[in-house]
N, C-alpha and C. Protein backbone atom coordinates (compact mmCIF):
# COMPACT_ATOMS: atom_id res chain seq x y z
N MET A 1 -9.15 11.27 -17.22
CA MET A 1 -7.68 10.87 -17.24
C MET A 1 -7.38 10.40 -18.69
N ASP A 2 -6.31 11.02 -19.27
CA ASP A 2 -5.89 10.75 -20.53
C ASP A 2 -4.82 9.79 -20.63
N VAL A 3 -5.03 8.79 -21.43
CA VAL A 3 -3.99 7.70 -21.50
C VAL A 3 -3.59 7.67 -23.15
N ASP A 4 -2.42 7.29 -23.47
CA ASP A 4 -1.86 7.26 -24.89
C ASP A 4 -1.83 5.71 -25.25
N ARG A 5 -2.13 4.79 -24.34
CA ARG A 5 -2.14 3.49 -24.79
C ARG A 5 -2.83 2.69 -23.55
N PRO A 6 -3.45 1.44 -23.90
CA PRO A 6 -3.94 0.81 -22.93
C PRO A 6 -3.06 0.34 -21.92
N ALA A 7 -3.51 -0.06 -20.64
CA ALA A 7 -2.91 -0.52 -19.52
C ALA A 7 -2.04 -1.75 -19.95
N PRO A 8 -0.88 -2.17 -19.27
CA PRO A 8 -0.07 -3.19 -19.62
C PRO A 8 -1.01 -4.53 -19.77
N GLY A 9 -0.87 -5.18 -20.98
CA GLY A 9 -1.59 -6.36 -21.11
C GLY A 9 -3.05 -6.27 -21.72
N GLU A 10 -3.35 -4.87 -21.83
CA GLU A 10 -4.87 -4.48 -22.33
C GLU A 10 -4.71 -4.05 -23.83
N HIS A 11 -5.52 -4.65 -24.54
CA HIS A 11 -5.56 -4.26 -25.96
C HIS A 11 -7.03 -3.93 -26.53
N LEU A 12 -7.15 -2.90 -27.33
CA LEU A 12 -8.33 -2.58 -27.88
C LEU A 12 -8.94 -3.66 -28.70
N ASN A 13 -10.30 -3.80 -28.66
CA ASN A 13 -10.92 -4.78 -29.38
C ASN A 13 -11.83 -3.99 -30.31
N PRO A 14 -11.49 -4.10 -31.69
CA PRO A 14 -12.33 -3.59 -32.80
C PRO A 14 -13.65 -4.27 -33.17
N GLY A 15 -13.91 -5.49 -32.62
CA GLY A 15 -15.05 -6.06 -32.90
C GLY A 15 -16.13 -6.09 -31.79
N GLU A 16 -16.88 -7.24 -31.70
CA GLU A 16 -17.95 -7.05 -30.78
C GLU A 16 -17.41 -7.24 -29.42
N PRO A 17 -18.17 -6.63 -28.36
CA PRO A 17 -17.69 -6.63 -26.98
C PRO A 17 -17.58 -8.14 -26.57
N THR A 18 -16.46 -8.44 -25.83
CA THR A 18 -16.44 -9.86 -25.13
C THR A 18 -17.32 -9.63 -23.79
N THR A 19 -17.72 -10.87 -23.46
CA THR A 19 -18.45 -11.00 -22.09
C THR A 19 -17.51 -10.82 -20.95
N PRO A 20 -17.68 -9.96 -20.05
CA PRO A 20 -16.69 -9.87 -18.87
C PRO A 20 -16.62 -11.01 -18.05
N ARG A 21 -15.46 -11.40 -17.56
CA ARG A 21 -15.40 -12.64 -16.58
C ARG A 21 -15.69 -12.04 -15.15
N GLN A 22 -16.33 -12.79 -14.38
CA GLN A 22 -16.57 -12.42 -13.14
C GLN A 22 -15.27 -12.31 -12.24
N ALA A 23 -15.08 -11.33 -11.40
CA ALA A 23 -13.97 -11.42 -10.51
C ALA A 23 -14.24 -10.61 -9.23
N ALA A 24 -13.26 -10.74 -8.27
CA ALA A 24 -13.48 -10.29 -7.09
C ALA A 24 -12.01 -9.52 -6.53
N SER A 25 -12.22 -8.71 -5.73
CA SER A 25 -11.04 -8.04 -5.25
C SER A 25 -11.23 -7.42 -3.65
N VAL A 26 -10.29 -7.44 -2.95
CA VAL A 26 -10.40 -6.90 -1.51
C VAL A 26 -9.38 -5.84 -1.46
N ILE A 27 -10.03 -4.63 -0.72
CA ILE A 27 -9.18 -3.55 -0.33
C ILE A 27 -9.13 -3.85 1.27
N VAL A 28 -7.92 -4.26 1.52
CA VAL A 28 -7.57 -4.68 3.03
C VAL A 28 -7.13 -3.29 3.69
N LEU A 29 -7.76 -3.00 4.89
CA LEU A 29 -7.53 -1.79 5.44
C LEU A 29 -6.86 -1.98 7.01
N ARG A 30 -6.25 -0.80 7.29
CA ARG A 30 -5.62 -0.65 8.45
C ARG A 30 -5.46 0.80 8.91
N ASP A 31 -5.37 1.14 10.20
CA ASP A 31 -4.98 2.47 10.49
C ASP A 31 -3.67 2.60 10.85
N GLY A 32 -2.92 3.50 10.18
CA GLY A 32 -1.50 3.87 10.28
C GLY A 32 -1.40 5.04 11.29
N SER A 33 -0.20 5.45 11.43
CA SER A 33 0.07 6.60 12.26
C SER A 33 -0.59 7.99 11.81
N ASP A 34 -0.75 8.12 10.46
CA ASP A 34 -1.46 9.15 9.97
C ASP A 34 -2.80 8.87 9.30
N GLY A 35 -3.43 7.73 9.86
CA GLY A 35 -4.77 7.63 9.34
C GLY A 35 -4.85 6.24 8.46
N LEU A 36 -5.98 6.25 7.55
CA LEU A 36 -6.22 5.03 6.78
C LEU A 36 -5.09 4.69 5.93
N GLU A 37 -4.81 3.45 6.03
CA GLU A 37 -3.79 2.78 4.95
C GLU A 37 -4.46 1.58 4.34
N VAL A 38 -4.12 1.35 2.98
CA VAL A 38 -4.54 0.27 2.27
C VAL A 38 -3.36 -0.64 1.70
N LEU A 39 -3.80 -1.90 1.65
CA LEU A 39 -2.74 -2.75 1.06
C LEU A 39 -2.70 -2.85 -0.37
N LEU A 40 -1.44 -2.54 -0.93
CA LEU A 40 -1.45 -2.71 -2.52
C LEU A 40 -0.14 -3.76 -2.68
N LEU A 41 -0.38 -4.61 -3.65
CA LEU A 41 0.62 -5.49 -4.12
C LEU A 41 1.10 -5.38 -5.38
N ARG A 42 2.30 -5.55 -5.82
CA ARG A 42 2.74 -5.35 -7.10
C ARG A 42 2.83 -6.68 -7.93
N ARG A 43 2.28 -6.57 -9.00
CA ARG A 43 2.14 -7.82 -9.97
C ARG A 43 3.48 -8.03 -10.58
N ASN A 44 3.84 -9.32 -10.79
CA ASN A 44 5.11 -9.52 -11.39
C ASN A 44 5.47 -8.85 -12.75
N PRO A 45 6.42 -8.13 -12.88
CA PRO A 45 6.49 -7.46 -14.12
C PRO A 45 6.61 -8.27 -15.37
N ASN A 46 6.75 -9.52 -15.19
CA ASN A 46 6.95 -10.48 -16.29
C ASN A 46 5.50 -10.73 -16.74
N ALA A 47 4.45 -10.62 -15.89
CA ALA A 47 3.07 -11.10 -16.23
C ALA A 47 2.56 -10.50 -17.54
N ARG A 48 1.80 -11.06 -18.22
CA ARG A 48 1.20 -10.50 -19.53
C ARG A 48 0.26 -9.54 -19.36
N PHE A 49 -0.42 -9.57 -18.16
CA PHE A 49 -1.55 -8.82 -17.86
C PHE A 49 -1.28 -7.88 -16.70
N MET A 50 -1.17 -6.59 -17.03
CA MET A 50 -0.89 -5.64 -16.04
C MET A 50 0.40 -5.88 -15.27
N GLY A 51 1.40 -6.30 -15.97
CA GLY A 51 2.78 -6.46 -15.40
C GLY A 51 3.28 -5.35 -14.72
N GLY A 52 3.77 -5.48 -13.45
CA GLY A 52 4.36 -4.35 -12.81
C GLY A 52 3.46 -3.42 -12.09
N ALA A 53 2.16 -3.43 -12.20
CA ALA A 53 1.23 -2.57 -11.62
C ALA A 53 0.97 -2.94 -10.09
N TRP A 54 0.65 -1.88 -9.38
CA TRP A 54 0.26 -2.10 -7.91
C TRP A 54 -1.22 -2.18 -7.82
N VAL A 55 -1.68 -3.22 -7.29
CA VAL A 55 -3.12 -3.40 -7.23
C VAL A 55 -3.61 -3.90 -5.73
N PHE A 56 -4.95 -3.91 -5.76
CA PHE A 56 -5.51 -4.65 -4.57
C PHE A 56 -5.59 -6.16 -4.92
N PRO A 57 -5.43 -7.14 -3.94
CA PRO A 57 -5.48 -8.43 -4.17
C PRO A 57 -6.75 -8.88 -4.74
N GLY A 58 -6.78 -9.69 -5.71
CA GLY A 58 -8.09 -10.15 -6.30
C GLY A 58 -7.82 -11.01 -7.53
N GLY A 59 -8.95 -11.43 -8.16
CA GLY A 59 -8.84 -12.33 -9.32
C GLY A 59 -10.12 -12.80 -9.77
N ALA A 60 -10.24 -13.56 -10.64
CA ALA A 60 -11.22 -14.19 -11.26
C ALA A 60 -12.17 -15.21 -10.39
N VAL A 61 -13.41 -15.24 -10.50
CA VAL A 61 -14.17 -16.40 -9.74
C VAL A 61 -13.93 -17.63 -10.60
N ASP A 62 -13.78 -18.57 -9.74
CA ASP A 62 -13.57 -20.01 -10.50
C ASP A 62 -15.09 -20.62 -10.47
N ALA A 63 -15.02 -21.40 -11.39
CA ALA A 63 -16.42 -22.10 -11.70
C ALA A 63 -17.03 -22.76 -10.60
N HIS A 64 -16.27 -23.39 -9.74
CA HIS A 64 -16.71 -24.24 -8.58
C HIS A 64 -17.22 -23.30 -7.56
N GLU A 65 -16.96 -21.96 -7.68
CA GLU A 65 -17.30 -21.09 -6.49
C GLU A 65 -18.71 -20.64 -6.71
N GLY A 66 -19.40 -21.00 -7.77
CA GLY A 66 -20.85 -20.77 -8.00
C GLY A 66 -21.18 -19.51 -8.73
N GLU A 67 -22.36 -18.80 -8.44
CA GLU A 67 -22.54 -17.65 -8.99
C GLU A 67 -23.16 -16.59 -7.97
N GLY A 68 -23.40 -15.40 -8.36
CA GLY A 68 -23.96 -14.43 -7.51
C GLY A 68 -22.99 -13.78 -6.43
N ASP A 69 -23.59 -13.15 -5.45
CA ASP A 69 -22.92 -12.41 -4.49
C ASP A 69 -21.84 -13.45 -3.74
N LEU A 70 -22.37 -14.50 -3.28
CA LEU A 70 -21.67 -15.48 -2.51
C LEU A 70 -20.33 -15.86 -3.34
N SER A 71 -20.50 -16.09 -4.62
CA SER A 71 -19.33 -16.64 -5.24
C SER A 71 -18.11 -15.59 -5.34
N HIS A 72 -18.61 -14.22 -5.50
CA HIS A 72 -17.60 -13.11 -5.35
C HIS A 72 -17.01 -13.20 -4.08
N ARG A 73 -17.72 -13.36 -2.95
CA ARG A 73 -17.09 -13.45 -1.55
C ARG A 73 -16.14 -14.50 -1.40
N ILE A 74 -16.59 -15.64 -1.70
CA ILE A 74 -15.67 -16.72 -1.66
C ILE A 74 -14.42 -16.53 -2.43
N ALA A 75 -14.41 -16.03 -3.76
CA ALA A 75 -13.39 -15.79 -4.47
C ALA A 75 -12.41 -14.70 -3.90
N ALA A 76 -12.96 -13.73 -3.36
CA ALA A 76 -12.29 -12.64 -2.82
C ALA A 76 -11.41 -13.15 -1.53
N VAL A 77 -12.00 -13.99 -0.68
CA VAL A 77 -11.24 -14.62 0.42
C VAL A 77 -10.23 -15.44 -0.15
N ARG A 78 -10.31 -16.22 -1.07
CA ARG A 78 -9.38 -17.23 -1.58
C ARG A 78 -8.25 -16.35 -2.11
N GLU A 79 -8.53 -15.32 -2.98
CA GLU A 79 -7.51 -14.55 -3.72
C GLU A 79 -6.64 -13.85 -2.59
N VAL A 80 -7.18 -13.24 -1.57
CA VAL A 80 -6.40 -12.74 -0.56
C VAL A 80 -5.46 -13.45 0.21
N GLU A 81 -5.89 -14.85 0.40
CA GLU A 81 -4.95 -15.79 0.96
C GLU A 81 -3.90 -16.23 0.07
N GLU A 82 -4.26 -16.39 -1.27
CA GLU A 82 -3.32 -16.84 -2.15
C GLU A 82 -2.15 -15.76 -2.52
N GLU A 83 -2.65 -14.60 -2.63
CA GLU A 83 -1.60 -13.58 -3.05
C GLU A 83 -1.08 -12.69 -1.93
N ALA A 84 -1.69 -12.64 -0.76
CA ALA A 84 -1.26 -11.89 0.17
C ALA A 84 -0.98 -12.64 1.62
N GLY A 85 -1.39 -13.96 1.56
CA GLY A 85 -1.27 -14.69 2.85
C GLY A 85 -1.98 -14.46 4.05
N LEU A 86 -3.15 -13.62 3.81
CA LEU A 86 -4.00 -13.32 4.91
C LEU A 86 -5.33 -14.20 4.82
N ARG A 87 -5.70 -14.69 6.07
CA ARG A 87 -6.92 -15.49 6.30
C ARG A 87 -7.99 -14.60 6.79
N LEU A 88 -8.94 -14.19 5.91
CA LEU A 88 -10.15 -13.44 6.20
C LEU A 88 -11.08 -14.37 7.00
N PRO A 89 -11.65 -14.07 8.07
CA PRO A 89 -12.43 -14.88 8.82
C PRO A 89 -13.75 -15.40 8.27
N ASP A 90 -14.44 -14.55 7.51
CA ASP A 90 -15.87 -14.94 7.21
C ASP A 90 -16.17 -14.13 5.78
N PRO A 91 -16.59 -14.83 4.68
CA PRO A 91 -16.92 -14.14 3.55
C PRO A 91 -18.07 -13.08 3.70
N ALA A 92 -19.01 -13.56 4.58
CA ALA A 92 -20.18 -12.75 4.72
C ALA A 92 -19.83 -11.40 5.34
N ALA A 93 -18.60 -11.34 6.07
CA ALA A 93 -18.28 -9.99 6.82
C ALA A 93 -17.75 -8.99 5.84
N LEU A 94 -17.34 -9.52 4.62
CA LEU A 94 -16.72 -8.39 3.66
C LEU A 94 -17.90 -7.31 3.39
N VAL A 95 -17.38 -6.16 3.24
CA VAL A 95 -18.27 -4.99 2.99
C VAL A 95 -18.27 -4.52 1.70
N LYS A 96 -19.31 -4.53 0.92
CA LYS A 96 -19.21 -4.00 -0.67
C LYS A 96 -18.69 -2.60 -0.57
N PHE A 97 -17.88 -2.44 -1.49
CA PHE A 97 -17.45 -1.01 -1.94
C PHE A 97 -17.62 -0.50 -3.16
N SER A 98 -17.44 -1.27 -4.15
CA SER A 98 -17.62 -0.89 -5.60
C SER A 98 -17.77 -1.98 -6.53
N ARG A 99 -18.02 -1.74 -7.77
CA ARG A 99 -18.11 -2.59 -8.86
C ARG A 99 -17.61 -2.05 -10.21
N TRP A 100 -16.67 -2.51 -10.87
CA TRP A 100 -16.05 -2.08 -12.04
C TRP A 100 -16.04 -2.93 -13.16
N ILE A 101 -16.61 -2.45 -14.18
CA ILE A 101 -16.68 -3.42 -15.47
C ILE A 101 -15.73 -2.85 -16.50
N THR A 102 -14.93 -3.48 -17.05
CA THR A 102 -13.82 -3.26 -17.96
C THR A 102 -14.60 -2.63 -19.26
N PRO A 103 -13.99 -1.51 -19.92
CA PRO A 103 -14.97 -0.87 -20.92
C PRO A 103 -14.96 -1.94 -22.16
N PRO A 104 -16.20 -1.77 -22.81
CA PRO A 104 -16.49 -2.75 -23.80
C PRO A 104 -15.49 -2.70 -25.04
N GLN A 105 -14.58 -1.73 -25.15
CA GLN A 105 -13.81 -1.49 -26.20
C GLN A 105 -12.33 -2.26 -25.83
N ILE A 106 -12.22 -2.88 -24.68
CA ILE A 106 -11.04 -3.53 -24.40
C ILE A 106 -11.21 -5.11 -24.62
N ALA A 107 -10.30 -5.69 -25.02
CA ALA A 107 -10.38 -7.10 -25.38
C ALA A 107 -10.67 -8.04 -24.33
N ILE A 108 -9.78 -7.95 -23.11
CA ILE A 108 -9.88 -8.78 -21.89
C ILE A 108 -10.75 -8.02 -20.91
N ARG A 109 -11.95 -8.46 -20.62
CA ARG A 109 -12.73 -7.75 -19.65
C ARG A 109 -13.08 -8.51 -18.41
N PHE A 110 -13.33 -7.63 -17.32
CA PHE A 110 -13.70 -8.30 -16.20
C PHE A 110 -14.81 -7.39 -15.43
N ASP A 111 -15.73 -8.19 -14.70
CA ASP A 111 -16.86 -7.54 -13.92
C ASP A 111 -16.27 -7.69 -12.45
N THR A 112 -15.59 -6.70 -11.93
CA THR A 112 -14.96 -6.97 -10.72
C THR A 112 -15.70 -6.34 -9.51
N HIS A 113 -15.95 -7.24 -8.43
CA HIS A 113 -16.62 -6.70 -7.17
C HIS A 113 -15.62 -6.34 -6.26
N PHE A 114 -15.55 -5.14 -5.69
CA PHE A 114 -14.51 -4.75 -4.68
C PHE A 114 -15.16 -4.81 -3.42
N PHE A 115 -14.36 -5.33 -2.39
CA PHE A 115 -14.99 -5.50 -1.10
C PHE A 115 -13.85 -4.76 0.03
N LEU A 116 -14.32 -4.42 1.10
CA LEU A 116 -13.51 -3.97 2.10
C LEU A 116 -13.39 -4.85 3.22
N ALA A 117 -12.23 -4.99 3.86
CA ALA A 117 -11.83 -5.90 5.12
C ALA A 117 -10.74 -5.25 5.82
N PRO A 118 -11.06 -5.26 7.22
CA PRO A 118 -9.78 -4.87 7.98
C PRO A 118 -8.94 -5.79 8.08
N LEU A 119 -7.69 -5.43 8.19
CA LEU A 119 -6.54 -6.49 8.46
C LEU A 119 -6.91 -7.31 9.86
N PRO A 120 -6.81 -8.77 9.41
CA PRO A 120 -7.34 -9.57 10.66
C PRO A 120 -6.17 -9.43 11.75
N ARG A 121 -6.70 -9.45 13.02
CA ARG A 121 -5.73 -9.25 14.17
C ARG A 121 -4.65 -10.42 14.17
N GLY A 122 -3.41 -9.84 14.44
CA GLY A 122 -2.50 -10.91 14.66
C GLY A 122 -1.95 -11.42 13.38
N GLN A 123 -2.34 -10.88 12.26
CA GLN A 123 -1.83 -11.35 10.94
C GLN A 123 -1.04 -10.23 10.28
N GLU A 124 0.03 -10.63 9.41
CA GLU A 124 0.62 -9.65 8.59
C GLU A 124 0.75 -10.30 7.04
N PRO A 125 0.56 -9.40 6.17
CA PRO A 125 0.48 -9.98 4.81
C PRO A 125 1.90 -10.22 4.22
N ARG A 126 1.99 -11.09 3.30
CA ARG A 126 3.14 -11.40 2.61
C ARG A 126 2.85 -11.66 1.16
N ALA A 127 3.68 -11.18 0.32
CA ALA A 127 3.54 -11.39 -1.27
C ALA A 127 3.85 -12.86 -1.59
N ASP A 128 3.06 -13.46 -2.48
CA ASP A 128 3.24 -14.98 -2.72
C ASP A 128 4.64 -15.13 -3.49
N GLY A 129 5.26 -13.93 -4.04
CA GLY A 129 6.55 -14.37 -4.77
C GLY A 129 6.53 -14.70 -6.21
N GLU A 130 5.43 -15.12 -6.58
CA GLU A 130 5.06 -15.54 -7.99
C GLU A 130 4.24 -14.51 -8.81
N GLU A 131 2.95 -14.59 -8.38
CA GLU A 131 2.13 -13.46 -9.12
C GLU A 131 2.22 -12.15 -8.65
N MET A 132 2.61 -12.12 -7.17
CA MET A 132 2.83 -10.79 -6.48
C MET A 132 4.10 -10.88 -6.04
N VAL A 133 4.93 -9.85 -6.25
CA VAL A 133 6.39 -9.88 -5.99
C VAL A 133 6.78 -8.85 -4.84
N ALA A 134 5.97 -7.96 -4.49
CA ALA A 134 6.09 -6.99 -3.35
C ALA A 134 4.76 -6.54 -2.81
N LEU A 135 4.76 -5.81 -1.79
CA LEU A 135 3.57 -5.30 -1.13
C LEU A 135 4.04 -4.16 -0.31
N GLY A 136 3.04 -3.29 0.05
CA GLY A 136 3.21 -2.09 0.84
C GLY A 136 1.89 -1.62 1.38
N TRP A 137 1.94 -0.93 2.65
CA TRP A 137 0.81 -0.23 3.13
C TRP A 137 0.92 1.27 2.76
N HIS A 138 -0.18 1.81 1.95
CA HIS A 138 -0.21 3.15 1.61
C HIS A 138 -1.39 3.97 2.00
N ALA A 139 -0.98 5.17 2.42
CA ALA A 139 -2.13 6.08 2.60
C ALA A 139 -2.79 6.36 1.19
N PRO A 140 -4.08 6.35 0.92
CA PRO A 140 -4.44 6.43 -0.39
C PRO A 140 -3.87 7.73 -1.22
N ALA A 141 -3.85 8.95 -0.43
CA ALA A 141 -3.40 10.07 -1.02
C ALA A 141 -1.85 9.97 -1.41
N GLY A 142 -0.94 9.29 -0.47
CA GLY A 142 0.30 8.98 -0.62
C GLY A 142 0.50 8.18 -1.89
N ALA A 143 -0.38 7.13 -2.07
CA ALA A 143 -0.20 6.26 -3.14
C ALA A 143 -0.46 7.07 -4.58
N LEU A 144 -1.48 7.83 -4.57
CA LEU A 144 -1.59 8.71 -5.61
C LEU A 144 -0.62 9.69 -6.00
N ASP A 145 0.10 10.20 -4.89
CA ASP A 145 1.18 11.10 -5.14
C ASP A 145 2.40 10.38 -5.69
N ALA A 146 2.54 9.23 -5.22
CA ALA A 146 3.81 8.40 -5.64
C ALA A 146 3.59 7.99 -7.11
N HIS A 147 2.23 7.80 -7.61
CA HIS A 147 2.01 7.64 -8.98
C HIS A 147 2.32 8.80 -9.96
N ARG A 148 1.84 9.80 -9.31
CA ARG A 148 2.18 11.20 -10.22
C ARG A 148 3.53 11.36 -10.27
N ARG A 149 4.37 10.94 -9.30
CA ARG A 149 5.86 11.14 -9.61
C ARG A 149 6.42 10.08 -10.15
N GLY A 150 5.72 8.95 -10.58
CA GLY A 150 6.22 7.74 -11.45
C GLY A 150 6.87 6.71 -10.64
N ALA A 151 6.77 6.74 -9.27
CA ALA A 151 7.23 5.93 -8.35
C ALA A 151 6.32 4.63 -8.06
N LEU A 152 5.08 4.76 -8.47
CA LEU A 152 4.22 3.58 -8.25
C LEU A 152 3.19 3.53 -9.44
N GLN A 153 3.30 2.40 -10.24
CA GLN A 153 2.41 2.28 -11.34
C GLN A 153 1.06 1.68 -10.99
N LEU A 154 0.08 2.45 -11.34
CA LEU A 154 -1.34 2.15 -10.93
C LEU A 154 -1.99 2.31 -12.30
N VAL A 155 -3.27 1.48 -12.37
CA VAL A 155 -4.14 1.40 -13.51
C VAL A 155 -5.50 2.33 -12.96
N PHE A 156 -6.22 2.50 -14.05
CA PHE A 156 -7.25 3.43 -13.88
C PHE A 156 -8.32 3.05 -12.56
N PRO A 157 -8.82 2.00 -12.64
CA PRO A 157 -9.80 1.62 -11.62
C PRO A 157 -9.10 1.88 -10.09
N THR A 158 -7.99 1.41 -9.93
CA THR A 158 -7.16 1.60 -8.75
C THR A 158 -6.99 3.19 -8.40
N ILE A 159 -6.75 3.93 -9.32
CA ILE A 159 -6.51 5.23 -9.24
C ILE A 159 -7.82 5.93 -8.70
N LYS A 160 -8.90 5.64 -9.35
CA LYS A 160 -10.15 6.15 -8.95
C LYS A 160 -10.72 5.80 -7.65
N GLN A 161 -10.48 4.50 -7.23
CA GLN A 161 -10.84 4.18 -5.90
C GLN A 161 -9.96 4.75 -4.89
N LEU A 162 -8.73 4.81 -5.10
CA LEU A 162 -7.91 5.48 -4.19
C LEU A 162 -8.30 6.95 -3.96
N GLU A 163 -8.69 7.59 -5.02
CA GLU A 163 -9.31 9.13 -4.99
C GLU A 163 -10.31 9.01 -4.06
N GLN A 164 -11.28 8.06 -4.13
CA GLN A 164 -12.47 8.01 -3.10
C GLN A 164 -12.06 7.71 -1.72
N LEU A 165 -11.23 6.73 -1.46
CA LEU A 165 -10.69 6.25 -0.16
C LEU A 165 -9.86 7.38 0.47
N ALA A 166 -9.43 8.38 -0.23
CA ALA A 166 -8.62 9.47 0.27
C ALA A 166 -9.44 10.33 1.23
N GLY A 167 -10.63 10.29 1.12
CA GLY A 167 -11.51 11.21 1.58
C GLY A 167 -11.98 10.69 3.14
N PHE A 168 -11.40 9.60 3.60
CA PHE A 168 -11.87 8.97 4.82
C PHE A 168 -10.60 9.04 5.72
N PRO A 169 -10.79 9.27 6.97
CA PRO A 169 -9.79 9.50 7.92
C PRO A 169 -9.29 8.30 8.59
N SER A 170 -10.17 7.20 8.62
CA SER A 170 -9.90 5.86 9.38
C SER A 170 -10.63 4.68 8.67
N ALA A 171 -10.11 3.65 8.92
CA ALA A 171 -10.74 2.34 8.59
C ALA A 171 -12.28 2.28 9.14
N THR A 172 -12.30 2.73 10.34
CA THR A 172 -13.56 2.63 10.96
C THR A 172 -14.71 3.54 10.26
N ALA A 173 -14.27 4.88 9.92
CA ALA A 173 -15.06 5.75 9.28
C ALA A 173 -15.51 5.18 7.91
N LEU A 174 -14.55 4.62 7.24
CA LEU A 174 -14.79 4.06 5.81
C LEU A 174 -15.71 2.92 5.97
N LEU A 175 -15.52 2.06 6.88
CA LEU A 175 -16.48 0.86 6.97
C LEU A 175 -17.89 1.18 7.29
N GLU A 176 -18.08 2.20 8.28
CA GLU A 176 -19.43 2.65 8.75
C GLU A 176 -20.03 3.32 7.42
N TRP A 177 -19.24 4.09 6.68
CA TRP A 177 -19.94 4.69 5.51
C TRP A 177 -20.39 3.55 4.59
N ALA A 178 -19.62 2.68 4.26
CA ALA A 178 -19.86 1.70 3.12
C ALA A 178 -20.93 0.57 3.72
N GLU A 179 -21.16 0.27 4.92
CA GLU A 179 -21.94 -0.73 5.36
C GLU A 179 -23.57 -0.37 4.91
N GLY A 180 -23.81 -1.42 4.12
CA GLY A 180 -25.33 -1.26 3.72
C GLY A 180 -25.67 -0.45 2.53
N ARG A 181 -24.78 0.32 1.98
CA ARG A 181 -24.89 1.19 1.01
C ARG A 181 -25.15 0.47 -0.41
N GLU A 182 -25.95 0.91 -1.18
CA GLU A 182 -26.24 0.24 -2.66
C GLU A 182 -24.96 0.52 -3.60
N VAL A 183 -24.38 -0.42 -4.02
CA VAL A 183 -23.21 -0.26 -4.92
C VAL A 183 -23.86 -0.38 -6.36
N VAL A 184 -23.38 0.69 -7.29
CA VAL A 184 -23.76 0.77 -8.53
C VAL A 184 -22.75 0.48 -9.64
N ALA A 185 -22.63 -0.25 -10.50
CA ALA A 185 -21.57 -0.75 -11.30
C ALA A 185 -21.24 0.46 -12.20
N VAL A 186 -19.88 0.60 -12.25
CA VAL A 186 -19.23 1.57 -13.00
C VAL A 186 -18.48 1.03 -14.30
N GLU A 187 -18.81 1.50 -15.49
CA GLU A 187 -18.30 0.89 -16.69
C GLU A 187 -17.70 2.11 -17.43
N PRO A 188 -16.42 2.38 -17.42
CA PRO A 188 -15.86 3.38 -18.07
C PRO A 188 -15.96 3.06 -19.74
N ARG A 189 -15.82 4.09 -20.40
CA ARG A 189 -15.67 3.91 -21.92
C ARG A 189 -14.50 4.53 -22.47
N VAL A 190 -13.88 3.99 -23.57
CA VAL A 190 -12.63 4.54 -24.29
C VAL A 190 -13.08 5.36 -25.47
N LEU A 191 -12.68 6.65 -25.39
CA LEU A 191 -12.83 7.52 -26.52
C LEU A 191 -11.62 7.76 -27.27
N MET A 192 -11.71 7.52 -28.55
CA MET A 192 -10.31 7.61 -29.37
C MET A 192 -10.34 8.95 -30.01
N THR A 193 -9.28 9.67 -29.95
CA THR A 193 -8.89 10.95 -30.63
C THR A 193 -7.69 10.85 -31.38
N GLY A 194 -7.78 10.36 -32.69
CA GLY A 194 -6.72 10.09 -33.48
C GLY A 194 -6.20 8.67 -32.91
N GLU A 195 -4.87 8.60 -32.48
CA GLU A 195 -4.24 7.45 -31.98
C GLU A 195 -4.21 7.57 -30.41
N ALA A 196 -4.85 8.61 -29.84
CA ALA A 196 -4.71 8.61 -28.38
C ALA A 196 -6.16 8.16 -27.85
N ALA A 197 -6.12 7.57 -26.63
CA ALA A 197 -7.30 7.15 -26.10
C ALA A 197 -7.55 7.83 -24.82
N ARG A 198 -8.91 8.07 -24.58
CA ARG A 198 -9.17 8.89 -23.28
C ARG A 198 -10.30 8.02 -22.58
N LEU A 199 -10.03 7.75 -21.25
CA LEU A 199 -11.05 6.91 -20.47
C LEU A 199 -12.09 8.01 -19.87
N VAL A 200 -13.31 7.70 -20.10
CA VAL A 200 -14.35 8.54 -19.50
C VAL A 200 -15.23 7.82 -18.53
N LEU A 201 -15.77 8.40 -17.54
CA LEU A 201 -16.68 7.81 -16.64
C LEU A 201 -18.06 8.22 -16.79
N PRO A 202 -19.13 7.54 -16.30
CA PRO A 202 -20.65 8.07 -16.51
C PRO A 202 -20.58 9.47 -15.84
N GLY A 203 -21.25 10.36 -16.55
CA GLY A 203 -21.44 11.65 -16.16
C GLY A 203 -20.37 12.71 -16.78
N GLU A 204 -19.36 12.11 -17.26
CA GLU A 204 -18.32 13.04 -17.65
C GLU A 204 -18.55 13.40 -19.18
N PRO A 205 -18.19 14.50 -19.70
CA PRO A 205 -18.44 14.91 -21.13
C PRO A 205 -17.79 13.79 -22.11
N GLY A 206 -18.58 13.40 -23.07
CA GLY A 206 -18.20 12.45 -24.19
C GLY A 206 -18.67 10.99 -23.71
N TYR A 207 -19.20 10.77 -22.57
CA TYR A 207 -19.53 9.47 -22.14
C TYR A 207 -20.99 9.11 -22.87
N PRO A 208 -20.96 7.98 -23.66
CA PRO A 208 -22.20 7.62 -24.44
C PRO A 208 -23.32 7.30 -23.57
């Protein structure tokens, strides 16, 4: 994926890489009339970081939430309630899906653990109206198509995860596939060609 500038709020760092801040995010799932749907929320356009982007609910791990896997799960549950008004029943029930680390060439970095969770029965999401100003259920392929048409602003990790999610016909199939699998961290790199920046993933040409 070629980009001519960092994502909103992201700036290239010419010096030593900063230490990524621990973060957690939840991909909330449901089955719609045409199959798997995921919850995306729109960040406040006035936000300094990723303003206007559609993202999965999530955020940084707070210091009091501890360290390790449990801290990410606790933060994930908290963020979903704060941003989307959903109460997930049990942090231990979250299913690990992926882990993305912001490229070392970016100034503000996160080490984000992504989890899967079905929409709790009897609950409906609502945007908090401050950090998140809108929400919607999207088939992964539909969200990607909307992004290509310029109707949905997405950032690189969200795009790549939607591409992977698009291969599953239902929430059940996705959860069964993800349960118990080993998650390997993905750390994209930024390659500069003149003034243009190109994001590359492990295994792609040019990845150091």
